[in-house]
């Protein structure tokens, strides 16, 4: 079993004391549970699909495109011919 030395600022020390008082766990047990929680959170984040990331960006309603991407070539021809006519 390894021994680690960890430096905590006042806020972290206070939080550790609060968790210990609320749970009755030792410092080691609280820190071990914290490590497990971080590992589980990373697993949840790693399993997110690309669309979840896109949805979290909240890009708003859009509306700036002149045509859908699948019609881009035809839209460019239409826009260019309209601009040439001016």
PDB file of N, CA and C in Angstrom:
ATOM      1  N   UNK A   1       0.849  -1.173   0.000  1.00  0.00           N
ATOM      2  CA  UNK A   1       0.000   0.000   0.000  1.00  0.00           C
ATOM      3  C   UNK A   1       0.894   1.235   0.000  1.00  0.00           C
ATOM      4  N   UNK A   2       0.593   2.165  -0.902  1.00  0.00           N
ATOM      5  CA  UNK A   2       1.392   3.383  -1.031  1.00  0.00           C
ATOM      6  C   UNK A   2       0.926   4.440  -0.033  1.00  0.00           C
ATOM      7  N   UNK A   3       1.862   5.295   0.344  1.00  0.00           N
ATOM      8  CA  UNK A   3       1.548   6.427   1.211  1.00  0.00           C
ATOM      9  C   UNK A   3       1.740   7.692   0.403  1.00  0.00           C
ATOM     10  N   UNK A   4       0.762   8.578   0.440  1.00  0.00           N
ATOM     11  CA  UNK A   4       0.806   9.840  -0.307  1.00  0.00           C
ATOM     12  C   UNK A   4       0.701  11.007   0.658  1.00  0.00           C
ATOM     13  N   UNK A   5       1.333  12.097   0.299  1.00  0.00           N
ATOM     14  CA  UNK A   5       1.187  13.344   1.036  1.00  0.00           C
ATOM     15  C   UNK A   5       0.431  14.310   0.139  1.00  0.00           C
ATOM     16  N   UNK A   6      -0.645  14.857   0.660  1.00  0.00           N
ATOM     17  CA  UNK A   6      -1.493  15.748  -0.122  1.00  0.00           C
ATOM     18  C   UNK A   6      -1.607  17.072   0.616  1.00  0.00           C
ATOM     19  N   UNK A   7      -1.410  18.162  -0.108  1.00  0.00           N
ATOM     20  CA  UNK A   7      -1.587  19.494   0.477  1.00  0.00           C
ATOM     21  C   UNK A   7      -2.962  20.015   0.087  1.00  0.00           C
ATOM     22  N   UNK A   8      -3.709  20.456   1.081  1.00  0.00           N
ATOM     23  CA  UNK A   8      -5.039  20.987   0.840  1.00  0.00           C
ATOM     24  C   UNK A   8      -5.090  22.443   1.262  1.00  0.00           C
ATOM     25  N   UNK A   9      -5.753  23.250   0.461  1.00  0.00           N
ATOM     26  CA  UNK A   9      -5.969  24.634   0.880  1.00  0.00           C
ATOM     27  C   UNK A   9      -7.071  24.645   1.945  1.00  0.00           C
ATOM     28  N   UNK A  10      -7.334  25.809   2.510  1.00  0.00           N
ATOM     29  CA  UNK A  10      -8.295  25.899   3.611  1.00  0.00           C
ATOM     30  C   UNK A  10      -9.687  25.438   3.193  1.00  0.00           C
ATOM     31  N   UNK A  11     -10.100  25.827   2.003  1.00  0.00           N
ATOM     32  CA  UNK A  11     -11.437  25.459   1.531  1.00  0.00           C
ATOM     33  C   UNK A  11     -11.567  23.945   1.373  1.00  0.00           C
ATOM     34  N   UNK A  12     -10.542  23.309   0.804  1.00  0.00           N
ATOM     35  CA  UNK A  12     -10.574  21.858   0.616  1.00  0.00           C
ATOM     36  C   UNK A  12     -10.536  21.135   1.955  1.00  0.00           C
ATOM     37  N   UNK A  13      -9.753  21.648   2.877  1.00  0.00           N
ATOM     38  CA  UNK A  13      -9.673  21.059   4.221  1.00  0.00           C
ATOM     39  C   UNK A  13     -11.031  21.144   4.924  1.00  0.00           C
ATOM     40  N   UNK A  14     -11.697  22.289   4.773  1.00  0.00           N
ATOM     41  CA  UNK A  14     -13.019  22.467   5.377  1.00  0.00           C
ATOM     42  C   UNK A  14     -14.020  21.500   4.751  1.00  0.00           C
ATOM     43  N   UNK A  15     -13.962  21.366   3.438  1.00  0.00           N
ATOM     44  CA  UNK A  15     -14.852  20.448   2.734  1.00  0.00           C
ATOM     45  C   UNK A  15     -14.611  19.009   3.184  1.00  0.00           C
ATOM     46  N   UNK A  16     -13.362  18.627   3.327  1.00  0.00           N
ATOM     47  CA  UNK A  16     -13.018  17.288   3.797  1.00  0.00           C
ATOM     48  C   UNK A  16     -13.586  17.045   5.193  1.00  0.00           C
ATOM     49  N   UNK A  17     -13.446  18.028   6.072  1.00  0.00           N
ATOM     50  CA  UNK A  17     -13.980  17.901   7.432  1.00  0.00           C
ATOM     51  C   UNK A  17     -15.497  17.764   7.425  1.00  0.00           C
ATOM     52  N   UNK A  18     -16.166  18.546   6.570  1.00  0.00           N
ATOM     53  CA  UNK A  18     -17.630  18.467   6.474  1.00  0.00           C
ATOM     54  C   UNK A  18     -18.070  17.086   6.000  1.00  0.00           C
ATOM     55  N   UNK A  19     -17.374  16.554   5.002  1.00  0.00           N
ATOM     56  CA  UNK A  19     -17.726  15.233   4.475  1.00  0.00           C
ATOM     57  C   UNK A  19     -17.492  14.165   5.533  1.00  0.00           C
ATOM     58  N   UNK A  20     -16.385  14.263   6.245  1.00  0.00           N
ATOM     59  CA  UNK A  20     -16.099  13.310   7.312  1.00  0.00           C
ATOM     60  C   UNK A  20     -17.180  13.356   8.385  1.00  0.00           C
ATOM     61  N   UNK A  21     -17.566  14.553   8.795  1.00  0.00           N
ATOM     62  CA  UNK A  21     -18.582  14.697   9.839  1.00  0.00           C
ATOM     63  C   UNK A  21     -19.928  14.138   9.376  1.00  0.00           C
ATOM     64  N   UNK A  22     -20.264  14.367   8.117  1.00  0.00           N
ATOM     65  CA  UNK A  22     -21.559  13.925   7.599  1.00  0.00           C
ATOM     66  C   UNK A  22     -21.613  12.417   7.378  1.00  0.00           C
ATOM     67  N   UNK A  23     -20.485  11.820   6.997  1.00  0.00           N
ATOM     68  CA  UNK A  23     -20.482  10.398   6.643  1.00  0.00           C
ATOM     69  C   UNK A  23     -19.879   9.499   7.710  1.00  0.00           C
ATOM     70  N   UNK A  24     -19.043  10.065   8.567  1.00  0.00           N
ATOM     71  CA  UNK A  24     -18.368   9.252   9.567  1.00  0.00           C
ATOM     72  C   UNK A  24     -17.194   8.468   9.000  1.00  0.00           C
ATOM     73  N   UNK A  25     -16.791   8.776   7.784  1.00  0.00           N
ATOM     74  CA  UNK A  25     -15.680   8.078   7.136  1.00  0.00           C
ATOM     75  C   UNK A  25     -14.346   8.694   7.533  1.00  0.00           C
ATOM     76  N   UNK A  26     -13.283   7.913   7.384  1.00  0.00           N
ATOM     77  CA  UNK A  26     -11.936   8.425   7.631  1.00  0.00           C
ATOM     78  C   UNK A  26     -11.492   9.274   6.444  1.00  0.00           C
ATOM     79  N   UNK A  27     -10.385   9.985   6.635  1.00  0.00           N
ATOM     80  CA  UNK A  27      -9.829  10.796   5.549  1.00  0.00           C
ATOM     81  C   UNK A  27      -9.523   9.901   4.351  1.00  0.00           C
ATOM     82  N   UNK A  28      -8.899   8.761   4.597  1.00  0.00           N
ATOM     83  CA  UNK A  28      -8.553   7.843   3.506  1.00  0.00           C
ATOM     84  C   UNK A  28      -9.792   7.377   2.759  1.00  0.00           C
ATOM     85  N   UNK A  29     -10.838   7.027   3.482  1.00  0.00           N
ATOM     86  CA  UNK A  29     -12.059   6.536   2.843  1.00  0.00           C
ATOM     87  C   UNK A  29     -12.719   7.625   2.002  1.00  0.00           C
ATOM     88  N   UNK A  30     -12.733   8.851   2.508  1.00  0.00           N
ATOM     89  CA  UNK A  30     -13.316   9.964   1.751  1.00  0.00           C
ATOM     90  C   UNK A  30     -12.529  10.191   0.467  1.00  0.00           C
ATOM     91  N   UNK A  31     -11.204  10.198   0.559  1.00  0.00           N
ATOM     92  CA  UNK A  31     -10.378  10.417  -0.629  1.00  0.00           C
ATOM     93  C   UNK A  31     -10.527   9.272  -1.629  1.00  0.00           C
ATOM     94  N   UNK A  32     -10.632   8.033  -1.141  1.00  0.00           N
ATOM     95  CA  UNK A  32     -10.830   6.894  -2.044  1.00  0.00           C
ATOM     96  C   UNK A  32     -12.153   7.022  -2.789  1.00  0.00           C
ATOM     97  N   UNK A  33     -13.209   7.412  -2.069  1.00  0.00           N
ATOM     98  CA  UNK A  33     -14.503   7.592  -2.735  1.00  0.00           C
ATOM     99  C   UNK A  33     -14.433   8.719  -3.760  1.00  0.00           C
ATOM    100  N   UNK A  34     -13.666   9.754  -3.446  1.00  0.00           N
ATOM    101  CA  UNK A  34     -13.484  10.844  -4.405  1.00  0.00           C
ATOM    102  C   UNK A  34     -12.808  10.365  -5.675  1.00  0.00           C
ATOM    103  N   UNK A  35     -11.803   9.513  -5.534  1.00  0.00           N
ATOM    104  CA  UNK A  35     -11.117   8.966  -6.709  1.00  0.00           C
ATOM    105  C   UNK A  35     -12.067   8.123  -7.556  1.00  0.00           C
ATOM    106  N   UNK A  36     -12.876   7.305  -6.899  1.00  0.00           N
ATOM    107  CA  UNK A  36     -13.846   6.481  -7.622  1.00  0.00           C
ATOM    108  C   UNK A  36     -14.852   7.371  -8.349  1.00  0.00           C
ATOM    109  N   UNK A  37     -15.296   8.441  -7.703  1.00  0.00           N
ATOM    110  CA  UNK A  37     -16.259   9.361  -8.322  1.00  0.00           C
ATOM    111  C   UNK A  37     -15.677  10.025  -9.563  1.00  0.00           C
ATOM    112  N   UNK A  38     -14.426  10.427  -9.493  1.00  0.00           N
ATOM    113  CA  UNK A  38     -13.779  11.055 -10.649  1.00  0.00           C
ATOM    114  C   UNK A  38     -13.666  10.054 -11.792  1.00  0.00           C
ATOM    115  N   UNK A  39     -13.284   8.825 -11.469  1.00  0.00           N
ATOM    116  CA  UNK A  39     -13.173   7.798 -12.513  1.00  0.00           C
ATOM    117  C   UNK A  39     -14.518   7.562 -13.188  1.00  0.00           C
ATOM    118  N   UNK A  40     -15.590   7.459 -12.411  1.00  0.00           N
ATOM    119  CA  UNK A  40     -16.920   7.227 -12.980  1.00  0.00           C
ATOM    120  C   UNK A  40     -17.381   8.414 -13.820  1.00  0.00           C
ATOM    121  N   UNK A  41     -17.086   9.618 -13.374  1.00  0.00           N
ATOM    122  CA  UNK A  41     -17.464  10.810 -14.138  1.00  0.00           C
ATOM    123  C   UNK A  41     -16.737  10.839 -15.480  1.00  0.00           C
ATOM    124  N   UNK A  42     -15.475  10.454 -15.483  1.00  0.00           N
ATOM    125  CA  UNK A  42     -14.715  10.421 -16.742  1.00  0.00           C
ATOM    126  C   UNK A  42     -15.280   9.366 -17.685  1.00  0.00           C
ATOM    127  N   UNK A  43     -15.684   8.239 -17.146  1.00  0.00           N
ATOM    128  CA  UNK A  43     -16.277   7.194 -17.991  1.00  0.00           C
ATOM    129  C   UNK A  43     -17.570   7.688 -18.625  1.00  0.00           C
ATOM    130  N   UNK A  44     -18.377   8.407 -17.856  1.00  0.00           N
ATOM    131  CA  UNK A  44     -19.627   8.951 -18.409  1.00  0.00           C
ATOM    132  C   UNK A  44     -19.318   9.960 -19.506  1.00  0.00           C
ATOM    133  N   UNK A  45     -18.323  10.813 -19.274  1.00  0.00           N
ATOM    134  CA  UNK A  45     -17.958  11.818 -20.275  1.00  0.00           C
ATOM    135  C   UNK A  45     -17.401  11.170 -21.535  1.00  0.00           C
ATOM    136  N   UNK A  46     -16.606  10.125 -21.376  1.00  0.00           N
ATOM    137  CA  UNK A  46     -16.003   9.455 -22.528  1.00  0.00           C
ATOM    138  C   UNK A  46     -17.037   8.717 -23.365  1.00  0.00           C
ATOM    139  N   UNK A  47     -18.161   8.340 -22.760  1.00  0.00           N
ATOM    140  CA  UNK A  47     -19.166   7.584 -23.498  1.00  0.00           C
ATOM    141  C   UNK A  47     -20.160   8.492 -24.218  1.00  0.00           C
ATOM    142  N   UNK A  48     -20.020   9.795 -24.077  1.00  0.00           N
ATOM    143  CA  UNK A  48     -20.937  10.723 -24.742  1.00  0.00           C
ATOM    144  C   UNK A  48     -20.734  10.658 -26.253  1.00  0.00           C
ATOM    145  N   UNK A  49     -21.831  10.648 -26.963  1.00  0.00           N
ATOM    146  CA  UNK A  49     -21.755  10.614 -28.420  1.00  0.00           C
ATOM    147  C   UNK A  49     -21.557  12.032 -28.944  1.00  0.00           C
ATOM    148  N   UNK A  50     -21.021  12.186 -30.149  1.00  0.00           N
ATOM    149  CA  UNK A  50     -20.752  13.526 -30.685  1.00  0.00           C
ATOM    150  C   UNK A  50     -21.974  14.440 -30.684  1.00  0.00           C
ATOM    151  N   UNK A  51     -23.166  13.883 -30.941  1.00  0.00           N
ATOM    152  CA  UNK A  51     -24.349  14.737 -30.964  1.00  0.00           C
ATOM    153  C   UNK A  51     -24.615  15.351 -29.600  1.00  0.00           C
ATOM    154  N   UNK A  52     -24.292  14.633 -28.514  1.00  0.00           N
ATOM    155  CA  UNK A  52     -24.482  15.188 -27.166  1.00  0.00           C
ATOM    156  C   UNK A  52     -23.614  16.425 -26.984  1.00  0.00           C
ATOM    157  N   UNK A  53     -22.394  16.389 -27.484  1.00  0.00           N
ATOM    158  CA  UNK A  53     -21.520  17.555 -27.416  1.00  0.00           C
ATOM    159  C   UNK A  53     -22.107  18.695 -28.234  1.00  0.00           C
ATOM    160  N   UNK A  54     -22.566  18.403 -29.434  1.00  0.00           N
ATOM    161  CA  UNK A  54     -23.175  19.423 -30.297  1.00  0.00           C
ATOM    162  C   UNK A  54     -24.378  20.053 -29.605  1.00  0.00           C
ATOM    163  N   UNK A  55     -25.231  19.222 -29.009  1.00  0.00           N
ATOM    164  CA  UNK A  55     -26.424  19.742 -28.348  1.00  0.00           C
ATOM    165  C   UNK A  55     -26.046  20.612 -27.149  1.00  0.00           C
ATOM    166  N   UNK A  56     -24.967  20.277 -26.458  1.00  0.00           N
ATOM    167  CA  UNK A  56     -24.568  21.062 -25.286  1.00  0.00           C
ATOM    168  C   UNK A  56     -24.012  22.432 -25.671  1.00  0.00           C
ATOM    169  N   UNK A  57     -23.603  22.616 -26.926  1.00  0.00           N
ATOM    170  CA  UNK A  57     -23.068  23.908 -27.357  1.00  0.00           C
ATOM    171  C   UNK A  57     -24.147  24.971 -27.474  1.00  0.00           C
ATOM    172  N   UNK A  58     -25.385  24.576 -27.691  1.00  0.00           N
ATOM    173  CA  UNK A  58     -26.523  25.487 -27.799  1.00  0.00           C
ATOM    174  C   UNK A  58     -26.218  26.614 -28.772  1.00  0.00           C
ATOM    175  N   UNK A  59     -26.136  26.265 -30.038  1.00  0.00           N
ATOM    176  CA  UNK A  59     -25.780  27.226 -31.075  1.00  0.00           C
ATOM    177  C   UNK A  59     -26.935  28.125 -31.496  1.00  0.00           C
ATOM    178  N   UNK A  60     -28.089  27.936 -30.914  1.00  0.00           N
ATOM    179  CA  UNK A  60     -29.223  28.790 -31.231  1.00  0.00           C
ATOM    180  C   UNK A  60     -29.975  28.299 -32.448  1.00  0.00           C
ATOM    181  N   UNK A  61     -30.947  29.078 -32.894  1.00  0.00           N
ATOM    182  CA  UNK A  61     -31.812  28.625 -33.975  1.00  0.00           C
ATOM    183  C   UNK A  61     -31.161  28.630 -35.350  1.00  0.00           C
ATOM    184  N   UNK A  62     -30.079  29.346 -35.534  1.00  0.00           N
ATOM    185  CA  UNK A  62     -29.434  29.391 -36.847  1.00  0.00           C
ATOM    186  C   UNK A  62     -30.158  30.352 -37.756  1.00  0.00           C
ATOM    187  N   UNK A  63     -30.322  29.970 -39.017  1.00  0.00           N
ATOM    188  CA  UNK A  63     -31.049  30.810 -39.943  1.00  0.00           C
ATOM    189  C   UNK A  63     -30.159  31.647 -40.841  1.00  0.00           C
ATOM    190  N   UNK A  64     -28.857  31.431 -40.790  1.00  0.00           N
ATOM    191  CA  UNK A  64     -27.943  32.229 -41.599  1.00  0.00           C
ATOM    192  C   UNK A  64     -27.674  31.603 -42.956  1.00  0.00           C
ATOM    193  N   UNK A  65     -27.911  30.303 -43.087  1.00  0.00           N
ATOM    194  CA  UNK A  65     -27.634  29.615 -44.344  1.00  0.00           C
ATOM    195  C   UNK A  65     -28.684  29.989 -45.381  1.00  0.00           C
ATOM    196  N   UNK A  66     -28.253  30.099 -46.614  1.00  0.00           N
ATOM    197  CA  UNK A  66     -29.173  30.431 -47.698  1.00  0.00           C
ATOM    198  C   UNK A  66     -29.846  29.193 -48.271  1.00  0.00           C
ATOM    199  N   UNK A  67     -29.279  28.015 -47.980  1.00  0.00           N
ATOM    200  CA  UNK A  67     -29.856  26.762 -48.459  1.00  0.00           C
ATOM    201  C   UNK A  67     -29.310  25.627 -47.602  1.00  0.00           C
ATOM    202  N   UNK A  68     -30.023  24.496 -47.557  1.00  0.00           N
ATOM    203  CA  UNK A  68     -29.488  23.343 -46.836  1.00  0.00           C
ATOM    204  C   UNK A  68     -28.218  22.830 -47.509  1.00  0.00           C
ATOM    205  N   UNK A  69     -27.367  22.177 -46.767  1.00  0.00           N
ATOM    206  CA  UNK A  69     -26.089  21.695 -47.295  1.00  0.00           C
ATOM    207  C   UNK A  69     -26.277  20.753 -48.473  1.00  0.00           C
ATOM    208  N   UNK A  70     -27.322  19.943 -48.452  1.00  0.00           N
ATOM    209  CA  UNK A  70     -27.523  18.988 -49.553  1.00  0.00           C
ATOM    210  C   UNK A  70     -27.865  19.682 -50.869  1.00  0.00           C
ATOM    211  N   UNK A  71     -28.260  20.950 -50.807  1.00  0.00           N
ATOM    212  CA  UNK A  71     -28.583  21.710 -52.017  1.00  0.00           C
ATOM    213  C   UNK A  71     -27.564  22.820 -52.274  1.00  0.00           C
ATOM    214  N   UNK A  72     -26.380  22.703 -51.711  1.00  0.00           N
ATOM    215  CA  UNK A  72     -25.399  23.785 -51.756  1.00  0.00           C
ATOM    216  C   UNK A  72     -24.975  24.149 -53.181  1.00  0.00           C
ATOM    217  N   UNK A  73     -24.684  23.160 -54.020  1.00  0.00           N
ATOM    218  CA  UNK A  73     -24.207  23.464 -55.377  1.00  0.00           C
ATOM    219  C   UNK A  73     -25.258  24.222 -56.182  1.00  0.00           C
ATOM    220  N   UNK A  74     -26.490  23.768 -56.116  1.00  0.00           N
ATOM    221  CA  UNK A  74     -27.562  24.453 -56.850  1.00  0.00           C
ATOM    222  C   UNK A  74     -27.786  25.850 -56.283  1.00  0.00           C
ATOM    223  N   UNK A  75     -27.688  25.989 -54.975  1.00  0.00           N
ATOM    224  CA  UNK A  75     -27.901  27.293 -54.346  1.00  0.00           C
ATOM    225  C   UNK A  75     -26.808  28.272 -54.752  1.00  0.00           C
ATOM    226  N   UNK A  76     -25.571  27.805 -54.845  1.00  0.00           N
ATOM    227  CA  UNK A  76     -24.466  28.685 -55.255  1.00  0.00           C
ATOM    228  C   UNK A  76     -24.700  29.185 -56.677  1.00  0.00           C
ATOM    229  N   UNK A  77     -25.105  28.275 -57.581  1.00  0.00           N
ATOM    230  CA  UNK A  77     -25.397  28.694 -58.960  1.00  0.00           C
ATOM    231  C   UNK A  77     -26.500  29.751 -58.986  1.00  0.00           C
ATOM    232  N   UNK A  78     -27.550  29.515 -58.222  1.00  0.00           N
ATOM    233  CA  UNK A  78     -28.672  30.443 -58.173  1.00  0.00           C
ATOM    234  C   UNK A  78     -28.241  31.807 -57.632  1.00  0.00           C
ATOM    235  N   UNK A  79     -27.471  31.813 -56.564  1.00  0.00           N
ATOM    236  CA  UNK A  79     -27.026  33.069 -55.943  1.00  0.00           C
ATOM    237  C   UNK A  79     -26.088  33.825 -56.872  1.00  0.00           C
ATOM    238  N   UNK A  80     -25.142  33.110 -57.504  1.00  0.00           N
ATOM    239  CA  UNK A  80     -24.200  33.766 -58.414  1.00  0.00           C
ATOM    240  C   UNK A  80     -24.906  34.335 -59.635  1.00  0.00           C
ATOM    241  N   UNK A  81     -25.857  33.593 -60.178  1.00  0.00           N
ATOM    242  CA  UNK A  81     -26.570  34.118 -61.348  1.00  0.00           C
ATOM    243  C   UNK A  81     -27.429  35.319 -60.961  1.00  0.00           C
ATOM    244  N   UNK A  82     -27.977  35.309 -59.783  1.00  0.00           N
ATOM    245  CA  UNK A  82     -28.753  36.454 -59.310  1.00  0.00           C
ATOM    246  C   UNK A  82     -27.849  37.677 -59.136  1.00  0.00           C
ATOM    247  N   UNK A  83     -26.642  37.470 -58.605  1.00  0.00           N
ATOM    248  CA  UNK A  83     -25.704  38.583 -58.413  1.00  0.00           C
ATOM    249  C   UNK A  83     -25.196  39.128 -59.748  1.00  0.00           C
ATOM    250  N   UNK A  84     -25.009  38.256 -60.747  1.00  0.00           N
ATOM    251  CA  UNK A  84     -24.552  38.712 -62.065  1.00  0.00           C
ATOM    252  C   UNK A  84     -25.617  39.542 -62.771  1.00  0.00           C
ATOM    253  N   UNK A  85     -26.863  39.244 -62.493  1.00  0.00           N
ATOM    254  CA  UNK A  85     -27.969  39.951 -63.149  1.00  0.00           C
ATOM    255  C   UNK A  85     -28.092  41.399 -62.670  1.00  0.00           C
ATOM    256  N   UNK A  86     -27.540  41.716 -61.541  1.00  0.00           N
ATOM    257  CA  UNK A  86     -27.645  43.083 -61.000  1.00  0.00           C
ATOM    258  C   UNK A  86     -26.845  44.053 -61.767  1.00  0.00           C
TER     259      UNK A  86
END
